Amino acid sequence: MIKVSLIVMIVLTGIIGTILKWREEAQARTQPRPKKRRGLVAGLKHDLNRWVTAAAVAALATIIIVGGLNWLRVWQGS
C-alpha cells in the first residue's frame, strides 16, 4: 500500500501542479496588467509555492483515496 500511495501522490502532484500553472496563465491572459518583472529568487519562490501547494492537495487526495479503499476492504470483511 505504501508504494501505491507514493505513486499516487507523485502523479497527483504533477497533475495538480500543471493545473495550477495553467490556471495562473489563464488568469494572466484574462486580466491584462502591466507585467512586473520578477527577480530570480522571487520567481523561484513562486514556483516552489505552486509545487508545495500541489503536493499538499495531492497528499490530502491520496489520504482520502487510499483510506477509502482501505475502509471498503474492512467493510467487506477481508
N, C-alpha and C. Protein backbone atom coordinates (compact mmCIF):
# COMPACT_ATOMS: atom_id res chain seq x y z
N MET A 1 0.81 -1.20 0.00
CA MET A 1 0.00 0.00 0.00
C MET A 1 0.85 1.27 0.00
N ILE A 2 2.04 1.18 0.61
CA ILE A 2 2.89 2.37 0.68
C ILE A 2 3.37 2.76 -0.71
N LYS A 3 3.75 1.77 -1.53
CA LYS A 3 4.21 2.08 -2.89
C LYS A 3 3.08 2.70 -3.71
N VAL A 4 1.89 2.17 -3.54
CA VAL A 4 0.73 2.73 -4.26
C VAL A 4 0.50 4.17 -3.83
N SER A 5 0.60 4.43 -2.53
CA SER A 5 0.39 5.79 -2.02
C SER A 5 1.42 6.75 -2.60
N LEU A 6 2.67 6.34 -2.63
CA LEU A 6 3.72 7.21 -3.17
C LEU A 6 3.52 7.49 -4.65
N ILE A 7 3.17 6.46 -5.39
CA ILE A 7 2.95 6.64 -6.83
C ILE A 7 1.76 7.57 -7.06
N VAL A 8 0.69 7.36 -6.32
CA VAL A 8 -0.50 8.21 -6.46
C VAL A 8 -0.14 9.65 -6.10
N MET A 9 0.62 9.85 -5.02
CA MET A 9 1.00 11.22 -4.63
C MET A 9 1.85 11.90 -5.69
N ILE A 10 2.82 11.18 -6.25
CA ILE A 10 3.69 11.77 -7.26
C ILE A 10 2.89 12.15 -8.51
N VAL A 11 2.03 11.24 -8.95
CA VAL A 11 1.22 11.52 -10.14
C VAL A 11 0.27 12.69 -9.89
N LEU A 12 -0.41 12.68 -8.74
CA LEU A 12 -1.33 13.77 -8.44
C LEU A 12 -0.61 15.10 -8.28
N THR A 13 0.58 15.09 -7.69
CA THR A 13 1.34 16.33 -7.56
C THR A 13 1.66 16.92 -8.93
N GLY A 14 2.08 16.08 -9.85
CA GLY A 14 2.36 16.55 -11.21
C GLY A 14 1.13 17.10 -11.90
N ILE A 15 0.02 16.38 -11.79
CA ILE A 15 -1.22 16.82 -12.43
C ILE A 15 -1.72 18.13 -11.81
N ILE A 16 -1.75 18.18 -10.49
CA ILE A 16 -2.27 19.38 -9.81
C ILE A 16 -1.35 20.57 -10.05
N GLY A 17 -0.03 20.34 -10.04
CA GLY A 17 0.91 21.43 -10.32
C GLY A 17 0.71 22.01 -11.71
N THR A 18 0.50 21.12 -12.68
CA THR A 18 0.26 21.57 -14.05
C THR A 18 -1.06 22.35 -14.15
N ILE A 19 -2.08 21.87 -13.48
CA ILE A 19 -3.37 22.56 -13.49
C ILE A 19 -3.25 23.95 -12.86
N LEU A 20 -2.51 24.04 -11.75
CA LEU A 20 -2.32 25.35 -11.11
C LEU A 20 -1.56 26.31 -12.03
N LYS A 21 -0.57 25.79 -12.75
CA LYS A 21 0.18 26.64 -13.68
C LYS A 21 -0.73 27.13 -14.82
N TRP A 22 -1.53 26.24 -15.37
CA TRP A 22 -2.47 26.62 -16.43
C TRP A 22 -3.45 27.66 -15.92
N ARG A 23 -3.91 27.49 -14.68
CA ARG A 23 -4.87 28.43 -14.10
C ARG A 23 -4.24 29.82 -13.96
N GLU A 24 -3.00 29.87 -13.48
CA GLU A 24 -2.32 31.16 -13.35
C GLU A 24 -2.13 31.82 -14.71
N GLU A 25 -1.77 31.03 -15.72
CA GLU A 25 -1.59 31.59 -17.06
C GLU A 25 -2.91 32.09 -17.64
N ALA A 26 -4.00 31.37 -17.39
CA ALA A 26 -5.31 31.79 -17.89
C ALA A 26 -5.76 33.07 -17.21
N GLN A 27 -5.50 33.18 -15.93
CA GLN A 27 -5.87 34.41 -15.22
C GLN A 27 -5.05 35.59 -15.73
N ALA A 28 -3.79 35.35 -16.04
CA ALA A 28 -2.94 36.43 -16.55
C ALA A 28 -3.43 36.90 -17.92
N ARG A 29 -3.98 35.98 -18.72
CA ARG A 29 -4.48 36.36 -20.05
C ARG A 29 -5.77 37.16 -19.95
N THR A 30 -6.63 36.81 -19.00
CA THR A 30 -7.93 37.48 -18.92
C THR A 30 -7.86 38.81 -18.17
N GLN A 31 -6.85 38.98 -17.35
CA GLN A 31 -6.70 40.22 -16.59
C GLN A 31 -5.40 40.91 -16.99
N PRO A 32 -5.43 41.63 -18.09
CA PRO A 32 -4.17 42.26 -18.52
C PRO A 32 -3.71 43.33 -17.54
N ARG A 33 -2.53 43.18 -17.09
CA ARG A 33 -1.91 44.15 -16.19
C ARG A 33 -0.51 44.43 -16.70
N PRO A 34 0.03 45.55 -16.33
CA PRO A 34 1.43 45.75 -16.69
C PRO A 34 2.28 44.68 -16.00
N LYS A 35 3.04 43.98 -16.79
CA LYS A 35 3.81 42.87 -16.26
C LYS A 35 5.04 43.37 -15.53
N LYS A 36 5.07 43.09 -14.24
CA LYS A 36 6.26 43.42 -13.47
C LYS A 36 7.24 42.27 -13.62
N ARG A 37 8.45 42.60 -13.84
CA ARG A 37 9.45 41.55 -13.99
C ARG A 37 9.91 41.11 -12.62
N ARG A 38 9.77 39.82 -12.39
CA ARG A 38 10.20 39.26 -11.11
C ARG A 38 11.67 38.90 -11.18
N GLY A 39 12.31 39.00 -10.05
CA GLY A 39 13.70 38.58 -9.97
C GLY A 39 13.80 37.07 -9.94
N LEU A 40 15.00 36.57 -9.97
CA LEU A 40 15.24 35.13 -9.99
C LEU A 40 14.70 34.48 -8.72
N VAL A 41 15.01 35.06 -7.58
CA VAL A 41 14.59 34.48 -6.30
C VAL A 41 13.07 34.54 -6.16
N ALA A 42 12.46 35.64 -6.56
CA ALA A 42 11.00 35.76 -6.47
C ALA A 42 10.31 34.75 -7.38
N GLY A 43 10.86 34.54 -8.55
CA GLY A 43 10.29 33.55 -9.47
C GLY A 43 10.41 32.14 -8.93
N LEU A 44 11.55 31.83 -8.33
CA LEU A 44 11.74 30.50 -7.75
C LEU A 44 10.82 30.28 -6.55
N LYS A 45 10.63 31.32 -5.74
CA LYS A 45 9.70 31.21 -4.61
C LYS A 45 8.29 30.96 -5.10
N HIS A 46 7.91 31.64 -6.16
CA HIS A 46 6.56 31.47 -6.72
C HIS A 46 6.36 30.05 -7.23
N ASP A 47 7.35 29.53 -7.95
CA ASP A 47 7.27 28.16 -8.46
C ASP A 47 7.25 27.15 -7.32
N LEU A 48 8.09 27.36 -6.31
CA LEU A 48 8.13 26.46 -5.16
C LEU A 48 6.80 26.48 -4.43
N ASN A 49 6.21 27.65 -4.28
CA ASN A 49 4.91 27.77 -3.62
C ASN A 49 3.85 26.97 -4.37
N ARG A 50 3.88 27.03 -5.70
CA ARG A 50 2.91 26.29 -6.51
C ARG A 50 3.07 24.79 -6.29
N TRP A 51 4.31 24.30 -6.29
CA TRP A 51 4.53 22.86 -6.15
C TRP A 51 4.26 22.37 -4.73
N VAL A 52 4.52 23.20 -3.73
CA VAL A 52 4.20 22.82 -2.36
C VAL A 52 2.68 22.75 -2.19
N THR A 53 1.97 23.70 -2.78
CA THR A 53 0.50 23.66 -2.74
C THR A 53 -0.01 22.40 -3.43
N ALA A 54 0.56 22.09 -4.59
CA ALA A 54 0.15 20.89 -5.32
C ALA A 54 0.43 19.63 -4.50
N ALA A 55 1.57 19.58 -3.82
CA ALA A 55 1.91 18.41 -3.01
C ALA A 55 0.96 18.27 -1.83
N ALA A 56 0.58 19.39 -1.22
CA ALA A 56 -0.35 19.34 -0.08
C ALA A 56 -1.72 18.83 -0.53
N VAL A 57 -2.20 19.32 -1.65
CA VAL A 57 -3.50 18.87 -2.16
C VAL A 57 -3.42 17.40 -2.56
N ALA A 58 -2.30 16.99 -3.17
CA ALA A 58 -2.12 15.59 -3.55
C ALA A 58 -2.06 14.69 -2.32
N ALA A 59 -1.43 15.15 -1.25
CA ALA A 59 -1.37 14.35 -0.02
C ALA A 59 -2.77 14.15 0.55
N LEU A 60 -3.57 15.20 0.58
CA LEU A 60 -4.94 15.06 1.07
C LEU A 60 -5.77 14.12 0.19
N ALA A 61 -5.63 14.26 -1.11
CA ALA A 61 -6.36 13.40 -2.03
C ALA A 61 -5.93 11.95 -1.88
N THR A 62 -4.64 11.72 -1.69
CA THR A 62 -4.14 10.36 -1.51
C THR A 62 -4.66 9.75 -0.22
N ILE A 63 -4.68 10.53 0.84
CA ILE A 63 -5.22 10.02 2.11
C ILE A 63 -6.68 9.63 1.94
N ILE A 64 -7.44 10.45 1.24
CA ILE A 64 -8.86 10.16 1.04
C ILE A 64 -9.04 8.92 0.16
N ILE A 65 -8.29 8.84 -0.94
CA ILE A 65 -8.44 7.72 -1.88
C ILE A 65 -8.01 6.41 -1.24
N VAL A 66 -6.80 6.37 -0.71
CA VAL A 66 -6.28 5.12 -0.14
C VAL A 66 -7.02 4.76 1.14
N GLY A 67 -7.38 5.76 1.93
CA GLY A 67 -8.17 5.49 3.12
C GLY A 67 -9.54 4.93 2.78
N GLY A 68 -10.14 5.47 1.75
CA GLY A 68 -11.44 4.96 1.29
C GLY A 68 -11.34 3.53 0.80
N LEU A 69 -10.27 3.23 0.06
CA LEU A 69 -10.08 1.85 -0.40
C LEU A 69 -9.87 0.91 0.79
N ASN A 70 -9.14 1.38 1.79
CA ASN A 70 -8.92 0.56 2.98
C ASN A 70 -10.23 0.28 3.70
N TRP A 71 -11.08 1.32 3.85
CA TRP A 71 -12.35 1.11 4.53
C TRP A 71 -13.27 0.22 3.72
N LEU A 72 -13.21 0.27 2.41
CA LEU A 72 -14.00 -0.66 1.60
C LEU A 72 -13.57 -2.10 1.89
N ARG A 73 -12.26 -2.31 2.00
CA ARG A 73 -11.74 -3.64 2.30
C ARG A 73 -12.19 -4.10 3.69
N VAL A 74 -12.16 -3.18 4.67
CA VAL A 74 -12.58 -3.52 6.04
C VAL A 74 -14.07 -3.87 6.04
N TRP A 75 -14.90 -3.10 5.37
CA TRP A 75 -16.33 -3.35 5.38
C TRP A 75 -16.70 -4.65 4.68
N GLN A 76 -15.89 -5.06 3.70
CA GLN A 76 -16.15 -6.33 3.03
C GLN A 76 -15.74 -7.52 3.89
N GLY A 77 -14.94 -7.25 4.91
CA GLY A 77 -14.57 -8.30 5.85
C GLY A 77 -13.35 -9.11 5.45
N SER A 78 -12.54 -8.59 4.50
CA SER A 78 -11.36 -9.37 4.14
C SER A 78 -10.17 -8.98 4.92
